[in-house]
Amino acid sequence: GRTFSSYAMGWFRQAPGKEREFVAAITRSGVNTYGADSVKGRFTVS
């Protein structure tokens, strides 16, 4: 699609036998990001 920049994006993960959990998110412009405590300092969303 042509409107990718209008979508905020997120990453989630699900391990076997566990519930889906949030990993990281990024706003439409990419200026702001937000990460789960479990991945801060290790994972980067862009």
PDB file of all heavy atoms in Angstrom:
ATOM      1  N   GLY A   1       0.796  -1.216   0.000  1.00  0.00           N
ATOM      2  CA  GLY A   1       0.000   0.000   0.000  1.00  0.00           C
ATOM      3  C   GLY A   1       0.826   1.262   0.000  1.00  0.00           C
ATOM      4  O   GLY A   1       2.023   1.248   0.277  1.00  0.00           O
ATOM      5  N   ARG A   2       0.163   2.376  -0.257  1.00  0.00           N
ATOM      6  CA  ARG A   2       0.840   3.661  -0.395  1.00  0.00           C
ATOM      7  C   ARG A   2       0.755   4.526   0.852  1.00  0.00           C
ATOM      8  O   ARG A   2       1.297   5.610   0.883  1.00  0.00           O
ATOM      9  CB  ARG A   2       0.229   4.441  -1.562  1.00  0.00           C
ATOM     10  CG  ARG A   2       0.325   3.728  -2.883  1.00  0.00           C
ATOM     11  CD  ARG A   2      -0.307   4.564  -3.988  1.00  0.00           C
ATOM     12  NE  ARG A   2      -0.237   3.913  -5.293  1.00  0.00           N
ATOM     13  CZ  ARG A   2      -0.727   4.418  -6.408  1.00  0.00           C
ATOM     14  NH1 ARG A   2      -1.299   5.605  -6.385  1.00  0.00           N
ATOM     15  NH2 ARG A   2      -0.625   3.759  -7.538  1.00  0.00           N
ATOM     16  N   THR A   3       0.051   4.024   1.866  1.00  0.00           N
ATOM     17  CA  THR A   3      -0.189   4.861   3.035  1.00  0.00           C
ATOM     18  C   THR A   3       0.537   4.363   4.270  1.00  0.00           C
ATOM     19  O   THR A   3       0.101   4.584   5.386  1.00  0.00           O
ATOM     20  CB  THR A   3      -1.686   4.930   3.327  1.00  0.00           C
ATOM     21  OG1 THR A   3      -2.185   3.597   3.558  1.00  0.00           O
ATOM     22  CG2 THR A   3      -2.440   5.569   2.182  1.00  0.00           C
ATOM     23  N   PHE A   4       1.666   3.703   4.075  1.00  0.00           N
ATOM     24  CA  PHE A   4       2.397   3.132   5.201  1.00  0.00           C
ATOM     25  C   PHE A   4       2.708   4.181   6.251  1.00  0.00           C
ATOM     26  O   PHE A   4       2.648   3.914   7.451  1.00  0.00           O
ATOM     27  CB  PHE A   4       3.682   2.490   4.693  1.00  0.00           C
ATOM     28  CG  PHE A   4       4.554   1.932   5.770  1.00  0.00           C
ATOM     29  CD1 PHE A   4       4.183   0.794   6.464  1.00  0.00           C
ATOM     30  CD2 PHE A   4       5.753   2.549   6.110  1.00  0.00           C
ATOM     31  CE1 PHE A   4       4.989   0.271   7.466  1.00  0.00           C
ATOM     32  CE2 PHE A   4       6.571   2.042   7.109  1.00  0.00           C
ATOM     33  CZ  PHE A   4       6.186   0.892   7.784  1.00  0.00           C
ATOM     34  N   SER A   5       3.037   5.369   5.822  1.00  0.00           N
ATOM     35  CA  SER A   5       3.424   6.418   6.768  1.00  0.00           C
ATOM     36  C   SER A   5       2.275   6.876   7.652  1.00  0.00           C
ATOM     37  O   SER A   5       2.491   7.612   8.613  1.00  0.00           O
ATOM     38  CB  SER A   5       4.004   7.616   6.020  1.00  0.00           C
ATOM     39  OG  SER A   5       3.042   8.154   5.136  1.00  0.00           O
ATOM     40  N   SER A   6       1.066   6.465   7.355  1.00  0.00           N
ATOM     41  CA  SER A   6      -0.076   6.839   8.174  1.00  0.00           C
ATOM     42  C   SER A   6      -0.372   5.821   9.267  1.00  0.00           C
ATOM     43  O   SER A   6      -1.315   5.988  10.034  1.00  0.00           O
ATOM     44  CB  SER A   6      -1.324   7.028   7.315  1.00  0.00           C
ATOM     45  OG  SER A   6      -1.738   5.794   6.765  1.00  0.00           O
ATOM     46  N   TYR A   7       0.441   4.758   9.346  1.00  0.00           N
ATOM     47  CA  TYR A   7       0.228   3.704  10.327  1.00  0.00           C
ATOM     48  C   TYR A   7       1.293   3.735  11.413  1.00  0.00           C
ATOM     49  O   TYR A   7       2.498   3.761  11.115  1.00  0.00           O
ATOM     50  CB  TYR A   7       0.260   2.320   9.673  1.00  0.00           C
ATOM     51  CG  TYR A   7      -0.901   2.035   8.759  1.00  0.00           C
ATOM     52  CD1 TYR A   7      -0.845   2.363   7.411  1.00  0.00           C
ATOM     53  CD2 TYR A   7      -2.056   1.453   9.250  1.00  0.00           C
ATOM     54  CE1 TYR A   7      -1.904   2.110   6.571  1.00  0.00           C
ATOM     55  CE2 TYR A   7      -3.132   1.190   8.417  1.00  0.00           C
ATOM     56  CZ  TYR A   7      -3.047   1.518   7.068  1.00  0.00           C
ATOM     57  OH  TYR A   7      -4.103   1.267   6.258  1.00  0.00           O
ATOM     58  N   ALA A   8       0.833   3.694  12.655  1.00  0.00           N
ATOM     59  CA  ALA A   8       1.745   3.374  13.738  1.00  0.00           C
ATOM     60  C   ALA A   8       2.011   1.870  13.681  1.00  0.00           C
ATOM     61  O   ALA A   8       1.126   1.098  13.307  1.00  0.00           O
ATOM     62  CB  ALA A   8       1.143   3.747  15.076  1.00  0.00           C
ATOM     63  N   MET A   9       3.214   1.471  14.038  1.00  0.00           N
ATOM     64  CA  MET A   9       3.602   0.069  13.912  1.00  0.00           C
ATOM     65  C   MET A   9       4.066  -0.499  15.247  1.00  0.00           C
ATOM     66  O   MET A   9       4.671   0.213  16.058  1.00  0.00           O
ATOM     67  CB  MET A   9       4.726  -0.070  12.894  1.00  0.00           C
ATOM     68  CG  MET A   9       4.385   0.441  11.507  1.00  0.00           C
ATOM     69  SD  MET A   9       3.047  -0.462  10.720  1.00  0.00           S
ATOM     70  CE  MET A   9       3.812  -2.077  10.528  1.00  0.00           C
ATOM     71  N   GLY A  10       3.791  -1.758  15.430  1.00  0.00           N
ATOM     72  CA  GLY A  10       4.219  -2.430  16.646  1.00  0.00           C
ATOM     73  C   GLY A  10       4.810  -3.793  16.355  1.00  0.00           C
ATOM     74  O   GLY A  10       4.537  -4.382  15.304  1.00  0.00           O
ATOM     75  N   TRP A  11       5.625  -4.245  17.281  1.00  0.00           N
ATOM     76  CA  TRP A  11       6.160  -5.602  17.253  1.00  0.00           C
ATOM     77  C   TRP A  11       5.691  -6.334  18.504  1.00  0.00           C
ATOM     78  O   TRP A  11       5.751  -5.785  19.616  1.00  0.00           O
ATOM     79  CB  TRP A  11       7.680  -5.602  17.222  1.00  0.00           C
ATOM     80  CG  TRP A  11       8.290  -5.244  15.905  1.00  0.00           C
ATOM     81  CD1 TRP A  11       8.762  -4.023  15.530  1.00  0.00           C
ATOM     82  CD2 TRP A  11       8.516  -6.119  14.797  1.00  0.00           C
ATOM     83  NE1 TRP A  11       9.257  -4.087  14.246  1.00  0.00           N
ATOM     84  CE2 TRP A  11       9.123  -5.366  13.778  1.00  0.00           C
ATOM     85  CE3 TRP A  11       8.259  -7.475  14.557  1.00  0.00           C
ATOM     86  CZ2 TRP A  11       9.475  -5.915  12.541  1.00  0.00           C
ATOM     87  CZ3 TRP A  11       8.612  -8.019  13.350  1.00  0.00           C
ATOM     88  CH2 TRP A  11       9.219  -7.248  12.344  1.00  0.00           C
ATOM     89  N   PHE A  12       5.241  -7.549  18.322  1.00  0.00           N
ATOM     90  CA  PHE A  12       4.813  -8.410  19.418  1.00  0.00           C
ATOM     91  C   PHE A  12       5.476  -9.768  19.240  1.00  0.00           C
ATOM     92  O   PHE A  12       6.007 -10.078  18.169  1.00  0.00           O
ATOM     93  CB  PHE A  12       3.288  -8.577  19.413  1.00  0.00           C
ATOM     94  CG  PHE A  12       2.547  -7.320  19.768  1.00  0.00           C
ATOM     95  CD1 PHE A  12       2.396  -6.295  18.846  1.00  0.00           C
ATOM     96  CD2 PHE A  12       2.007  -7.152  21.037  1.00  0.00           C
ATOM     97  CE1 PHE A  12       1.728  -5.123  19.177  1.00  0.00           C
ATOM     98  CE2 PHE A  12       1.329  -5.995  21.375  1.00  0.00           C
ATOM     99  CZ  PHE A  12       1.194  -4.986  20.443  1.00  0.00           C
ATOM    100  N   ARG A  13       5.436 -10.575  20.289  1.00  0.00           N
ATOM    101  CA  ARG A  13       5.983 -11.918  20.179  1.00  0.00           C
ATOM    102  C   ARG A  13       5.144 -12.881  21.005  1.00  0.00           C
ATOM    103  O   ARG A  13       4.469 -12.473  21.962  1.00  0.00           O
ATOM    104  CB  ARG A  13       7.445 -11.961  20.623  1.00  0.00           C
ATOM    105  CG  ARG A  13       7.666 -11.669  22.100  1.00  0.00           C
ATOM    106  CD  ARG A  13       9.164 -11.565  22.397  1.00  0.00           C
ATOM    107  NE  ARG A  13       9.438 -11.326  23.807  1.00  0.00           N
ATOM    108  CZ  ARG A  13      10.640 -11.076  24.305  1.00  0.00           C
ATOM    109  NH1 ARG A  13      11.704 -11.024  23.492  1.00  0.00           N
ATOM    110  NH2 ARG A  13      10.801 -10.877  25.606  1.00  0.00           N
ATOM    111  N   GLN A  14       5.209 -14.135  20.617  1.00  0.00           N
ATOM    112  CA  GLN A  14       4.490 -15.167  21.356  1.00  0.00           C
ATOM    113  C   GLN A  14       5.341 -16.422  21.406  1.00  0.00           C
ATOM    114  O   GLN A  14       5.689 -16.995  20.368  1.00  0.00           O
ATOM    115  CB  GLN A  14       3.141 -15.468  20.712  1.00  0.00           C
ATOM    116  CG  GLN A  14       2.283 -16.405  21.547  1.00  0.00           C
ATOM    117  CD  GLN A  14       0.837 -16.435  21.095  1.00  0.00           C
ATOM    118  OE1 GLN A  14       0.511 -16.056  19.971  1.00  0.00           O
ATOM    119  NE2 GLN A  14      -0.045 -16.863  21.982  1.00  0.00           N
ATOM    120  N   ALA A  15       5.675 -16.814  22.616  1.00  0.00           N
ATOM    121  CA  ALA A  15       6.426 -18.043  22.835  1.00  0.00           C
ATOM    122  C   ALA A  15       5.459 -19.196  23.049  1.00  0.00           C
ATOM    123  O   ALA A  15       4.305 -18.975  23.443  1.00  0.00           O
ATOM    124  CB  ALA A  15       7.334 -17.884  24.050  1.00  0.00           C
ATOM    125  N   PRO A  16       5.900 -20.430  22.806  1.00  0.00           N
ATOM    126  CA  PRO A  16       5.012 -21.581  22.980  1.00  0.00           C
ATOM    127  C   PRO A  16       4.434 -21.639  24.388  1.00  0.00           C
ATOM    128  O   PRO A  16       5.168 -21.508  25.376  1.00  0.00           O
ATOM    129  CB  PRO A  16       5.939 -22.771  22.716  1.00  0.00           C
ATOM    130  CG  PRO A  16       6.996 -22.234  21.830  1.00  0.00           C
ATOM    131  CD  PRO A  16       7.213 -20.824  22.274  1.00  0.00           C
ATOM    132  N   GLY A  17       3.130 -21.794  24.464  1.00  0.00           N
ATOM    133  CA  GLY A  17       2.473 -21.916  25.751  1.00  0.00           C
ATOM    134  C   GLY A  17       2.305 -20.618  26.509  1.00  0.00           C
ATOM    135  O   GLY A  17       1.838 -20.625  27.650  1.00  0.00           O
ATOM    136  N   LYS A  18       2.684 -19.506  25.881  1.00  0.00           N
ATOM    137  CA  LYS A  18       2.577 -18.213  26.548  1.00  0.00           C
ATOM    138  C   LYS A  18       1.682 -17.279  25.763  1.00  0.00           C
ATOM    139  O   LYS A  18       1.435 -17.477  24.576  1.00  0.00           O
ATOM    140  CB  LYS A  18       3.960 -17.590  26.727  1.00  0.00           C
ATOM    141  CG  LYS A  18       4.878 -18.375  27.649  1.00  0.00           C
ATOM    142  CD  LYS A  18       6.161 -17.610  27.908  1.00  0.00           C
ATOM    143  CE  LYS A  18       7.051 -18.351  28.901  1.00  0.00           C
ATOM    144  NZ  LYS A  18       8.310 -17.593  29.188  1.00  0.00           N
ATOM    145  N   GLU A  19       1.232 -16.239  26.435  1.00  0.00           N
ATOM    146  CA  GLU A  19       0.411 -15.250  25.760  1.00  0.00           C
ATOM    147  C   GLU A  19       1.290 -14.324  24.914  1.00  0.00           C
ATOM    148  O   GLU A  19       2.485 -14.141  25.178  1.00  0.00           O
ATOM    149  CB  GLU A  19      -0.377 -14.431  26.791  1.00  0.00           C
ATOM    150  CG  GLU A  19      -1.406 -15.242  27.554  1.00  0.00           C
ATOM    151  CD  GLU A  19      -2.262 -14.367  28.445  1.00  0.00           C
ATOM    152  OE1 GLU A  19      -1.945 -13.178  28.594  1.00  0.00           O
ATOM    153  OE2 GLU A  19      -3.247 -14.886  28.998  1.00  0.00           O
ATOM    154  N   ARG A  20       0.660 -13.723  23.936  1.00  0.00           N
ATOM    155  CA  ARG A  20       1.356 -12.731  23.116  1.00  0.00           C
ATOM    156  C   ARG A  20       1.774 -11.556  23.998  1.00  0.00           C
ATOM    157  O   ARG A  20       1.007 -11.125  24.866  1.00  0.00           O
ATOM    158  CB  ARG A  20       0.432 -12.249  22.015  1.00  0.00           C
ATOM    159  CG  ARG A  20       1.033 -11.243  21.058  1.00  0.00           C
ATOM    160  CD  ARG A  20       0.003 -10.830  20.037  1.00  0.00           C
ATOM    161  NE  ARG A  20      -1.128 -10.175  20.664  1.00  0.00           N
ATOM    162  CZ  ARG A  20      -2.303  -9.971  20.081  1.00  0.00           C
ATOM    163  NH1 ARG A  20      -2.496 -10.397  18.844  1.00  0.00           N
ATOM    164  NH2 ARG A  20      -3.272  -9.351  20.720  1.00  0.00           N
ATOM    165  N   GLU A  21       2.982 -11.054  23.780  1.00  0.00           N
ATOM    166  CA  GLU A  21       3.439  -9.920  24.554  1.00  0.00           C
ATOM    167  C   GLU A  21       3.995  -8.834  23.654  1.00  0.00           C
ATOM    168  O   GLU A  21       4.555  -9.097  22.582  1.00  0.00           O
ATOM    169  CB  GLU A  21       4.485 -10.338  25.592  1.00  0.00           C
ATOM    170  CG  GLU A  21       5.794 -10.814  25.030  1.00  0.00           C
ATOM    171  CD  GLU A  21       6.871 -10.982  26.093  1.00  0.00           C
ATOM    172  OE1 GLU A  21       6.743 -10.411  27.195  1.00  0.00           O
ATOM    173  OE2 GLU A  21       7.859 -11.692  25.807  1.00  0.00           O
ATOM    174  N   PHE A  22       3.864  -7.627  24.125  1.00  0.00           N
ATOM    175  CA  PHE A  22       4.353  -6.445  23.416  1.00  0.00           C
ATOM    176  C   PHE A  22       5.875  -6.400  23.462  1.00  0.00           C
ATOM    177  O   PHE A  22       6.479  -6.726  24.491  1.00  0.00           O
ATOM    178  CB  PHE A  22       3.766  -5.191  24.061  1.00  0.00           C
ATOM    179  CG  PHE A  22       4.404  -3.912  23.615  1.00  0.00           C
ATOM    180  CD1 PHE A  22       4.173  -3.421  22.346  1.00  0.00           C
ATOM    181  CD2 PHE A  22       5.220  -3.199  24.476  1.00  0.00           C
ATOM    182  CE1 PHE A  22       4.754  -2.227  21.937  1.00  0.00           C
ATOM    183  CE2 PHE A  22       5.804  -2.003  24.083  1.00  0.00           C
ATOM    184  CZ  PHE A  22       5.572  -1.519  22.802  1.00  0.00           C
ATOM    185  N   VAL A  23       6.471  -5.980  22.344  1.00  0.00           N
ATOM    186  CA  VAL A  23       7.922  -5.829  22.284  1.00  0.00           C
ATOM    187  C   VAL A  23       8.295  -4.358  22.103  1.00  0.00           C
ATOM    188  O   VAL A  23       9.029  -3.786  22.911  1.00  0.00           O
ATOM    189  CB  VAL A  23       8.520  -6.671  21.136  1.00  0.00           C
ATOM    190  CG1 VAL A  23      10.022  -6.418  21.027  1.00  0.00           C
ATOM    191  CG2 VAL A  23       8.224  -8.146  21.350  1.00  0.00           C
ATOM    192  N   ALA A  24       7.803  -3.736  21.035  1.00  0.00           N
ATOM    193  CA  ALA A  24       8.177  -2.352  20.748  1.00  0.00           C
ATOM    194  C   ALA A  24       7.178  -1.750  19.790  1.00  0.00           C
ATOM    195  O   ALA A  24       6.481  -2.463  19.060  1.00  0.00           O
ATOM    196  CB  ALA A  24       9.583  -2.282  20.159  1.00  0.00           C
ATOM    197  N   ALA A  25       7.110  -0.416  19.780  1.00  0.00           N
ATOM    198  CA  ALA A  25       6.219   0.299  18.882  1.00  0.00           C
ATOM    199  C   ALA A  25       6.890   1.573  18.402  1.00  0.00           C
ATOM    200  O   ALA A  25       7.812   2.090  19.046  1.00  0.00           O
ATOM    201  CB  ALA A  25       4.898   0.627  19.574  1.00  0.00           C
ATOM    202  N   ILE A  26       6.393   2.074  17.283  1.00  0.00           N
ATOM    203  CA  ILE A  26       6.949   3.300  16.707  1.00  0.00           C
ATOM    204  C   ILE A  26       5.813   4.090  16.083  1.00  0.00           C
ATOM    205  O   ILE A  26       4.892   3.524  15.486  1.00  0.00           O
ATOM    206  CB  ILE A  26       8.051   2.948  15.668  1.00  0.00           C
ATOM    207  CG1 ILE A  26       8.783   4.203  15.201  1.00  0.00           C
ATOM    208  CG2 ILE A  26       7.490   2.138  14.516  1.00  0.00           C
ATOM    209  CD1 ILE A  26      10.072   3.890  14.445  1.00  0.00           C
ATOM    210  N   THR A  27       5.864   5.392  16.254  1.00  0.00           N
ATOM    211  CA  THR A  27       4.819   6.243  15.704  1.00  0.00           C
ATOM    212  C   THR A  27       4.952   6.396  14.196  1.00  0.00           C
ATOM    213  O   THR A  27       5.927   5.949  13.598  1.00  0.00           O
ATOM    214  CB  THR A  27       4.864   7.623  16.377  1.00  0.00           C
ATOM    215  OG1 THR A  27       6.193   8.166  16.251  1.00  0.00           O
ATOM    216  CG2 THR A  27       4.499   7.524  17.847  1.00  0.00           C
ATOM    217  N   ARG A  28       3.963   7.051  13.594  1.00  0.00           N
ATOM    218  CA  ARG A  28       3.916   7.132  12.138  1.00  0.00           C
ATOM    219  C   ARG A  28       5.138   7.810  11.545  1.00  0.00           C
ATOM    220  O   ARG A  28       5.658   7.379  10.517  1.00  0.00           O
ATOM    221  CB  ARG A  28       2.644   7.857  11.716  1.00  0.00           C
ATOM    222  CG  ARG A  28       1.376   7.098  12.047  1.00  0.00           C
ATOM    223  CD  ARG A  28       0.129   7.911  11.733  1.00  0.00           C
ATOM    224  NE  ARG A  28       0.016   9.075  12.593  1.00  0.00           N
ATOM    225  CZ  ARG A  28      -0.917   9.995  12.454  1.00  0.00           C
ATOM    226  NH1 ARG A  28      -1.800   9.905  11.475  1.00  0.00           N
ATOM    227  NH2 ARG A  28      -0.971  11.018  13.284  1.00  0.00           N
ATOM    228  N   SER A  29       5.596   8.838  12.205  1.00  0.00           N
ATOM    229  CA  SER A  29       6.753   9.571  11.682  1.00  0.00           C
ATOM    230  C   SER A  29       8.071   8.889  12.008  1.00  0.00           C
ATOM    231  O   SER A  29       9.094   9.164  11.384  1.00  0.00           O
ATOM    232  CB  SER A  29       6.772  10.975  12.273  1.00  0.00           C
ATOM    233  OG  SER A  29       6.989  10.904  13.677  1.00  0.00           O
ATOM    234  N   GLY A  30       8.041   8.026  13.008  1.00  0.00           N
ATOM    235  CA  GLY A  30       9.266   7.382  13.461  1.00  0.00           C
ATOM    236  C   GLY A  30       9.997   8.157  14.533  1.00  0.00           C
ATOM    237  O   GLY A  30      11.024   7.707  15.027  1.00  0.00           O
ATOM    238  N   VAL A  31       9.448   9.298  14.922  1.00  0.00           N
ATOM    239  CA  VAL A  31      10.128  10.136  15.910  1.00  0.00           C
ATOM    240  C   VAL A  31      10.094   9.501  17.299  1.00  0.00           C
ATOM    241  O   VAL A  31      11.061   9.559  18.062  1.00  0.00           O
ATOM    242  CB  VAL A  31       9.495  11.536  15.947  1.00  0.00           C
ATOM    243  CG1 VAL A  31      10.023  12.343  17.130  1.00  0.00           C
ATOM    244  CG2 VAL A  31       9.762  12.272  14.638  1.00  0.00           C
ATOM    245  N   ASN A  32       8.961   8.908  17.626  1.00  0.00           N
ATOM    246  CA  ASN A  32       8.801   8.333  18.965  1.00  0.00           C
ATOM    247  C   ASN A  32       8.752   6.815  18.915  1.00  0.00           C
ATOM    248  O   ASN A  32       8.087   6.234  18.054  1.00  0.00           O
ATOM    249  CB  ASN A  32       7.519   8.855  19.612  1.00  0.00           C
ATOM    250  CG  ASN A  32       7.588  10.343  19.882  1.00  0.00           C
ATOM    251  OD1 ASN A  32       8.570  10.830  20.446  1.00  0.00           O
ATOM    252  ND2 ASN A  32       6.567  11.065  19.467  1.00  0.00           N
ATOM    253  N   THR A  33       9.446   6.208  19.861  1.00  0.00           N
ATOM    254  CA  THR A  33       9.426   4.755  20.001  1.00  0.00           C
ATOM    255  C   THR A  33       9.153   4.397  21.452  1.00  0.00           C
ATOM    256  O   THR A  33       9.293   5.217  22.364  1.00  0.00           O
ATOM    257  CB  THR A  33      10.750   4.113  19.568  1.00  0.00           C
ATOM    258  OG1 THR A  33      11.800   4.582  20.428  1.00  0.00           O
ATOM    259  CG2 THR A  33      11.077   4.445  18.133  1.00  0.00           C
ATOM    260  N   TYR A  34       8.748   3.162  21.641  1.00  0.00           N
ATOM    261  CA  TYR A  34       8.341   2.694  22.973  1.00  0.00           C
ATOM    262  C   TYR A  34       8.649   1.208  23.024  1.00  0.00           C
ATOM    263  O   TYR A  34       8.308   0.477  22.096  1.00  0.00           O
ATOM    264  CB  TYR A  34       6.846   2.961  23.139  1.00  0.00           C
ATOM    265  CG  TYR A  34       6.186   2.368  24.355  1.00  0.00           C
ATOM    266  CD1 TYR A  34       6.705   2.542  25.626  1.00  0.00           C
ATOM    267  CD2 TYR A  34       4.990   1.660  24.219  1.00  0.00           C
ATOM    268  CE1 TYR A  34       6.060   2.009  26.735  1.00  0.00           C
ATOM    269  CE2 TYR A  34       4.345   1.136  25.313  1.00  0.00           C
ATOM    270  CZ  TYR A  34       4.878   1.311  26.575  1.00  0.00           C
ATOM    271  OH  TYR A  34       4.239   0.780  27.661  1.00  0.00           O
ATOM    272  N   GLY A  35       9.329   0.776  24.067  1.00  0.00           N
ATOM    273  CA  GLY A  35       9.704  -0.621  24.167  1.00  0.00           C
ATOM    274  C   GLY A  35       9.355  -1.239  25.502  1.00  0.00           C
ATOM    275  O   GLY A  35       9.267  -0.539  26.507  1.00  0.00           O
ATOM    276  N   ALA A  36       9.179  -2.530  25.499  1.00  0.00           N
ATOM    277  CA  ALA A  36       8.922  -3.263  26.738  1.00  0.00           C
ATOM    278  C   ALA A  36      10.176  -3.262  27.607  1.00  0.00           C
ATOM    279  O   ALA A  36      11.302  -3.230  27.090  1.00  0.00           O
ATOM    280  CB  ALA A  36       8.509  -4.694  26.421  1.00  0.00           C
ATOM    281  N   ASP A  37       9.990  -3.312  28.889  1.00  0.00           N
ATOM    282  CA  ASP A  37      11.134  -3.299  29.800  1.00  0.00           C
ATOM    283  C   ASP A  37      12.081  -4.469  29.531  1.00  0.00           C
ATOM    284  O   ASP A  37      13.297  -4.329  29.678  1.00  0.00           O
ATOM    285  CB  ASP A  37      10.645  -3.352  31.249  1.00  0.00           C
ATOM    286  CG  ASP A  37       9.989  -2.056  31.683  1.00  0.00           C
ATOM    287  OD1 ASP A  37      10.210  -1.020  31.015  1.00  0.00           O
ATOM    288  OD2 ASP A  37       9.264  -2.074  32.695  1.00  0.00           O
ATOM    289  N   SER A  38      11.527  -5.579  29.111  1.00  0.00           N
ATOM    290  CA  SER A  38      12.334  -6.782  28.915  1.00  0.00           C
ATOM    291  C   SER A  38      13.319  -6.666  27.758  1.00  0.00           C
ATOM    292  O   SER A  38      14.273  -7.445  27.670  1.00  0.00           O
ATOM    293  CB  SER A  38      11.423  -7.989  28.685  1.00  0.00           C
ATOM    294  OG  SER A  38      10.611  -7.780  27.542  1.00  0.00           O
ATOM    295  N   VAL A  39      13.104  -5.685  26.874  1.00  0.00           N
ATOM    296  CA  VAL A  39      13.988  -5.557  25.705  1.00  0.00           C
ATOM    297  C   VAL A  39      14.711  -4.219  25.655  1.00  0.00           C
ATOM    298  O   VAL A  39      15.518  -3.991  24.737  1.00  0.00           O
ATOM    299  CB  VAL A  39      13.214  -5.781  24.390  1.00  0.00           C
ATOM    300  CG1 VAL A  39      12.512  -7.124  24.417  1.00  0.00           C
ATOM    301  CG2 VAL A  39      12.221  -4.653  24.128  1.00  0.00           C
ATOM    302  N   LYS A  40      14.439  -3.343  26.580  1.00  0.00           N
ATOM    303  CA  LYS A  40      15.082  -2.025  26.565  1.00  0.00           C
ATOM    304  C   LYS A  40      16.592  -2.167  26.675  1.00  0.00           C
ATOM    305  O   LYS A  40      17.104  -2.957  27.458  1.00  0.00           O
ATOM    306  CB  LYS A  40      14.531  -1.164  27.704  1.00  0.00           C
ATOM    307  CG  LYS A  40      13.177  -0.567  27.402  1.00  0.00           C
ATOM    308  CD  LYS A  40      12.671   0.320  28.525  1.00  0.00           C
ATOM    309  CE  LYS A  40      11.311   0.908  28.179  1.00  0.00           C
ATOM    310  NZ  LYS A  40      10.756   1.722  29.278  1.00  0.00           N
ATOM    311  N   GLY A  41      17.270  -1.401  25.849  1.00  0.00           N
ATOM    312  CA  GLY A  41      18.727  -1.477  25.817  1.00  0.00           C
ATOM    313  C   GLY A  41      19.258  -2.562  24.910  1.00  0.00           C
ATOM    314  O   GLY A  41      20.459  -2.617  24.638  1.00  0.00           O
ATOM    315  N   ARG A  42      18.375  -3.450  24.449  1.00  0.00           N
ATOM    316  CA  ARG A  42      18.807  -4.539  23.562  1.00  0.00           C
ATOM    317  C   ARG A  42      18.138  -4.473  22.191  1.00  0.00           C
ATOM    318  O   ARG A  42      18.771  -4.760  21.174  1.00  0.00           O
ATOM    319  CB  ARG A  42      18.490  -5.894  24.208  1.00  0.00           C
ATOM    320  CG  ARG A  42      19.160  -6.118  25.543  1.00  0.00           C
ATOM    321  CD  ARG A  42      18.991  -7.555  26.021  1.00  0.00           C
ATOM    322  NE  ARG A  42      17.593  -7.914  26.199  1.00  0.00           N
ATOM    323  CZ  ARG A  42      17.000  -8.941  25.587  1.00  0.00           C
ATOM    324  NH1 ARG A  42      17.681  -9.701  24.743  1.00  0.00           N
ATOM    325  NH2 ARG A  42      15.714  -9.218  25.822  1.00  0.00           N
ATOM    326  N   PHE A  43      16.865  -4.116  22.148  1.00  0.00           N
ATOM    327  CA  PHE A  43      16.108  -4.075  20.903  1.00  0.00           C
ATOM    328  C   PHE A  43      15.837  -2.623  20.507  1.00  0.00           C
ATOM    329  O   PHE A  43      15.554  -1.783  21.365  1.00  0.00           O
ATOM    330  CB  PHE A  43      14.767  -4.775  21.053  1.00  0.00           C
ATOM    331  CG  PHE A  43      14.836  -6.273  21.223  1.00  0.00           C
ATOM    332  CD1 PHE A  43      16.038  -6.940  21.457  1.00  0.00           C
ATOM    333  CD2 PHE A  43      13.663  -7.024  21.151  1.00  0.00           C
ATOM    334  CE1 PHE A  43      16.074  -8.309  21.624  1.00  0.00           C
ATOM    335  CE2 PHE A  43      13.693  -8.397  21.311  1.00  0.00           C
ATOM    336  CZ  PHE A  43      14.903  -9.044  21.552  1.00  0.00           C
ATOM    337  N   THR A  44      15.859  -2.363  19.201  1.00  0.00           N
ATOM    338  CA  THR A  44      15.569  -1.033  18.677  1.00  0.00           C
ATOM    339  C   THR A  44      14.599  -1.155  17.519  1.00  0.00           C
ATOM    340  O   THR A  44      14.827  -1.922  16.585  1.00  0.00           O
ATOM    341  CB  THR A  44      16.845  -0.340  18.197  1.00  0.00           C
ATOM    342  OG1 THR A  44      17.781  -0.246  19.272  1.00  0.00           O
ATOM    343  CG2 THR A  44      16.525   1.066  17.689  1.00  0.00           C
ATOM    344  N   VAL A  45      13.525  -0.389  17.581  1.00  0.00           N
ATOM    345  CA  VAL A  45      12.560  -0.354  16.487  1.00  0.00           C
ATOM    346  C   VAL A  45      12.816   0.901  15.656  1.00  0.00           C
ATOM    347  O   VAL A  45      13.116   1.971  16.192  1.00  0.00           O
ATOM    348  CB  VAL A  45      11.109  -0.391  17.015  1.00  0.00           C
ATOM    349  CG1 VAL A  45      10.816   0.780  17.945  1.00  0.00           C
ATOM    350  CG2 VAL A  45      10.122  -0.451  15.867  1.00  0.00           C
ATOM    351  N   SER A  46      12.699   0.749  14.337  1.00  0.00           N
ATOM    352  CA  SER A  46      12.873   1.879  13.426  1.00  0.00           C
ATOM    353  C   SER A  46      12.014   1.633  12.195  1.00  0.00           C
ATOM    354  O   SER A  46      11.465   0.549  12.020  1.00  0.00           O
ATOM    355  CB  SER A  46      14.348   2.037  13.037  1.00  0.00           C
ATOM    356  OG  SER A  46      14.806   0.891  12.336  1.00  0.00           O
TER     357      SER A  46
END
